[in-house]
Amino acid sequence: MRAPNAQIAFDPFHVVKLANEAVHDVRRTEARIRPGSTEAEVLKRSRWSLLKAPENLLPLEKVKLAAVAALNARVFRSYLRCSPTTMTRAARNPPSPPPLQPTRSTG
């Protein structure tokens, strides 16, 4: 091991980026499974609402998000788990890593 005291760091920007990609993938997959349905149309028109933090949603975006919540629990759950607010908070307060075990050198 080259840097035994190195720590893994997560910056909030990249954590939110990965979370948004995950929500987008779930939304896109769910829309593709149901082509031509009302649910697919709602999901297609809700992309930007799902990428924003709940506290930054405009009234129309809140309506779109409510429609997603009513029609597709899987997409809405992924939004709740991966919302920018949740991910930023997680990046700022990551869980503590397990303590490092001393290594023995064989010589």
C-alpha atoms as a PDB file:
ATOM      1  CA  MET A   1       0.000   0.000   0.000  1.00  0.00           C
ATOM      2  CA  ARG A   2       1.555   3.281  -1.090  1.00  0.00           C
ATOM      3  CA  ALA A   3      -0.390   5.706   1.077  1.00  0.00           C
ATOM      4  CA  PRO A   4      -1.459   3.906   4.239  1.00  0.00           C
ATOM      5  CA  ASN A   5      -2.924   7.059   5.811  1.00  0.00           C
ATOM      6  CA  ALA A   6      -4.873   8.194   2.727  1.00  0.00           C
ATOM      7  CA  GLN A   7      -8.559   8.873   3.154  1.00  0.00           C
ATOM      8  CA  ILE A   8     -11.305   8.605   0.575  1.00  0.00           C
ATOM      9  CA  ALA A   9     -12.972  11.956  -0.083  1.00  0.00           C
ATOM     10  CA  PHE A  10     -16.341  12.609  -1.716  1.00  0.00           C
ATOM     11  CA  ASP A  11     -17.104  16.029  -3.090  1.00  0.00           C
ATOM     12  CA  PRO A  12     -20.775  17.061  -3.122  1.00  0.00           C
ATOM     13  CA  PHE A  13     -20.844  17.927  -6.835  1.00  0.00           C
ATOM     14  CA  HIS A  14     -19.894  14.422  -7.986  1.00  0.00           C
ATOM     15  CA  VAL A  15     -22.108  12.709  -5.411  1.00  0.00           C
ATOM     16  CA  VAL A  16     -25.137  14.677  -6.659  1.00  0.00           C
ATOM     17  CA  LYS A  17     -24.135  14.045 -10.284  1.00  0.00           C
ATOM     18  CA  LEU A  18     -24.053  10.271  -9.744  1.00  0.00           C
ATOM     19  CA  ALA A  19     -27.357  10.354  -7.860  1.00  0.00           C
ATOM     20  CA  ASN A  20     -29.020  12.374 -10.636  1.00  0.00           C
ATOM     21  CA  GLU A  21     -27.769   9.902 -13.239  1.00  0.00           C
ATOM     22  CA  ALA A  22     -29.249   7.047 -11.209  1.00  0.00           C
ATOM     23  CA  VAL A  23     -32.669   8.750 -10.971  1.00  0.00           C
ATOM     24  CA  HIS A  24     -32.546   9.578 -14.685  1.00  0.00           C
ATOM     25  CA  ASP A  25     -31.762   5.936 -15.558  1.00  0.00           C
ATOM     26  CA  VAL A  26     -34.661   4.641 -13.454  1.00  0.00           C
ATOM     27  CA  ARG A  27     -37.056   7.212 -14.963  1.00  0.00           C
ATOM     28  CA  ARG A  28     -35.953   6.430 -18.515  1.00  0.00           C
ATOM     29  CA  THR A  29     -36.198   2.660 -17.977  1.00  0.00           C
ATOM     30  CA  GLU A  30     -39.675   2.914 -16.472  1.00  0.00           C
ATOM     31  CA  ALA A  31     -40.848   5.105 -19.383  1.00  0.00           C
ATOM     32  CA  ARG A  32     -39.447   2.654 -21.953  1.00  0.00           C
ATOM     33  CA  ILE A  33     -41.207  -0.300 -20.309  1.00  0.00           C
ATOM     34  CA  ARG A  34     -44.571   1.459 -20.804  1.00  0.00           C
ATOM     35  CA  PRO A  35     -44.450   3.034 -24.289  1.00  0.00           C
ATOM     36  CA  GLY A  36     -47.451   5.133 -25.272  1.00  0.00           C
ATOM     37  CA  SER A  37     -49.042   5.066 -21.823  1.00  0.00           C
ATOM     38  CA  THR A  38     -50.043   8.043 -19.691  1.00  0.00           C
ATOM     39  CA  GLU A  39     -47.413   6.989 -17.182  1.00  0.00           C
ATOM     40  CA  ALA A  40     -44.689   7.097 -19.839  1.00  0.00           C
ATOM     41  CA  GLU A  41     -45.751  10.617 -20.875  1.00  0.00           C
ATOM     42  CA  VAL A  42     -45.711  11.832 -17.278  1.00  0.00           C
ATOM     43  CA  LEU A  43     -42.262  10.335 -16.763  1.00  0.00           C
ATOM     44  CA  LYS A  44     -40.934  11.843 -19.988  1.00  0.00           C
ATOM     45  CA  ARG A  45     -42.145  15.306 -18.991  1.00  0.00           C
ATOM     46  CA  SER A  46     -40.799  15.123 -15.425  1.00  0.00           C
ATOM     47  CA  ARG A  47     -37.048  14.890 -16.077  1.00  0.00           C
ATOM     48  CA  TRP A  48     -36.089  18.355 -14.818  1.00  0.00           C
ATOM     49  CA  SER A  49     -38.465  18.193 -11.859  1.00  0.00           C
ATOM     50  CA  LEU A  50     -36.737  15.016 -10.707  1.00  0.00           C
ATOM     51  CA  LEU A  51     -33.300  16.608 -10.974  1.00  0.00           C
ATOM     52  CA  LYS A  52     -34.061  19.565  -8.712  1.00  0.00           C
ATOM     53  CA  ALA A  53     -33.910  19.702  -4.936  1.00  0.00           C
ATOM     54  CA  PRO A  54     -37.423  19.694  -3.400  1.00  0.00           C
ATOM     55  CA  GLU A  55     -36.967  23.151  -1.898  1.00  0.00           C
ATOM     56  CA  ASN A  56     -36.163  24.616  -5.354  1.00  0.00           C
ATOM     57  CA  LEU A  57     -39.198  23.266  -7.231  1.00  0.00           C
ATOM     58  CA  LEU A  58     -41.534  25.686  -8.980  1.00  0.00           C
ATOM     59  CA  PRO A  59     -45.316  25.168  -8.549  1.00  0.00           C
ATOM     60  CA  LEU A  60     -45.666  23.408 -11.939  1.00  0.00           C
ATOM     61  CA  GLU A  61     -42.707  21.154 -11.114  1.00  0.00           C
ATOM     62  CA  LYS A  62     -44.360  20.222  -7.815  1.00  0.00           C
ATOM     63  CA  VAL A  63     -47.449  19.154  -9.763  1.00  0.00           C
ATOM     64  CA  LYS A  64     -45.304  17.024 -12.085  1.00  0.00           C
ATOM     65  CA  LEU A  65     -43.558  15.448  -9.103  1.00  0.00           C
ATOM     66  CA  ALA A  66     -46.911  14.693  -7.472  1.00  0.00           C
ATOM     67  CA  ALA A  67     -48.014  12.990 -10.704  1.00  0.00           C
ATOM     68  CA  VAL A  68     -44.860  10.862 -10.691  1.00  0.00           C
ATOM     69  CA  ALA A  69     -45.491   9.947  -7.037  1.00  0.00           C
ATOM     70  CA  ALA A  70     -49.054   8.883  -7.864  1.00  0.00           C
ATOM     71  CA  LEU A  71     -48.176   6.882 -10.994  1.00  0.00           C
ATOM     72  CA  ASN A  72     -44.781   5.299 -10.410  1.00  0.00           C
ATOM     73  CA  ALA A  73     -43.527   4.446  -6.940  1.00  0.00           C
ATOM     74  CA  ARG A  74     -40.182   3.137  -8.204  1.00  0.00           C
ATOM     75  CA  VAL A  75     -39.173   6.434  -9.812  1.00  0.00           C
ATOM     76  CA  PHE A  76     -40.464   8.478  -6.887  1.00  0.00           C
ATOM     77  CA  ARG A  77     -38.560   6.316  -4.366  1.00  0.00           C
ATOM     78  CA  SER A  78     -35.367   6.765  -6.358  1.00  0.00           C
ATOM     79  CA  TYR A  79     -35.979  10.534  -6.346  1.00  0.00           C
ATOM     80  CA  LEU A  80     -36.436  10.560  -2.567  1.00  0.00           C
ATOM     81  CA  ARG A  81     -33.318   8.476  -1.980  1.00  0.00           C
ATOM     82  CA  CYS A  82     -31.184  10.381  -4.452  1.00  0.00           C
ATOM     83  CA  SER A  83     -32.474  13.943  -4.196  1.00  0.00           C
ATOM     84  CA  PRO A  84     -29.713  16.559  -4.409  1.00  0.00           C
ATOM     85  CA  THR A  85     -30.385  17.634  -0.820  1.00  0.00           C
ATOM     86  CA  THR A  86     -30.013  14.081   0.495  1.00  0.00           C
ATOM     87  CA  MET A  87     -26.858  13.399  -1.501  1.00  0.00           C
ATOM     88  CA  THR A  88     -25.192  16.698  -0.580  1.00  0.00           C
ATOM     89  CA  ARG A  89     -25.880  16.032   3.072  1.00  0.00           C
ATOM     90  CA  ALA A  90     -24.423  12.530   2.716  1.00  0.00           C
ATOM     91  CA  ALA A  91     -21.293  13.872   1.002  1.00  0.00           C
ATOM     92  CA  ARG A  92     -20.712  16.407   3.761  1.00  0.00           C
ATOM     93  CA  ASN A  93     -21.205  13.818   6.518  1.00  0.00           C
ATOM     94  CA  PRO A  94     -19.912  10.509   5.143  1.00  0.00           C
ATOM     95  CA  PRO A  95     -19.914   7.483   7.406  1.00  0.00           C
ATOM     96  CA  SER A  96     -16.643   6.871   9.171  1.00  0.00           C
ATOM     97  CA  PRO A  97     -14.450   4.303   7.468  1.00  0.00           C
ATOM     98  CA  PRO A  98     -13.485   1.220   9.440  1.00  0.00           C
ATOM     99  CA  PRO A  99     -10.152   1.530  11.248  1.00  0.00           C
ATOM    100  CA  LEU A 100      -7.132   0.421   9.275  1.00  0.00           C
ATOM    101  CA  GLN A 101      -5.493  -2.786  10.343  1.00  0.00           C
ATOM    102  CA  PRO A 102      -1.727  -2.718  10.764  1.00  0.00           C
ATOM    103  CA  THR A 103       0.084  -4.667   8.112  1.00  0.00           C
ATOM    104  CA  ARG A 104       2.979  -6.954   8.752  1.00  0.00           C
ATOM    105  CA  SER A 105       5.932  -6.737   6.536  1.00  0.00           C
ATOM    106  CA  THR A 106       7.445 -10.020   5.598  1.00  0.00           C
ATOM    107  CA  GLY A 107      10.978  -9.785   5.103  1.00  0.00           C
END
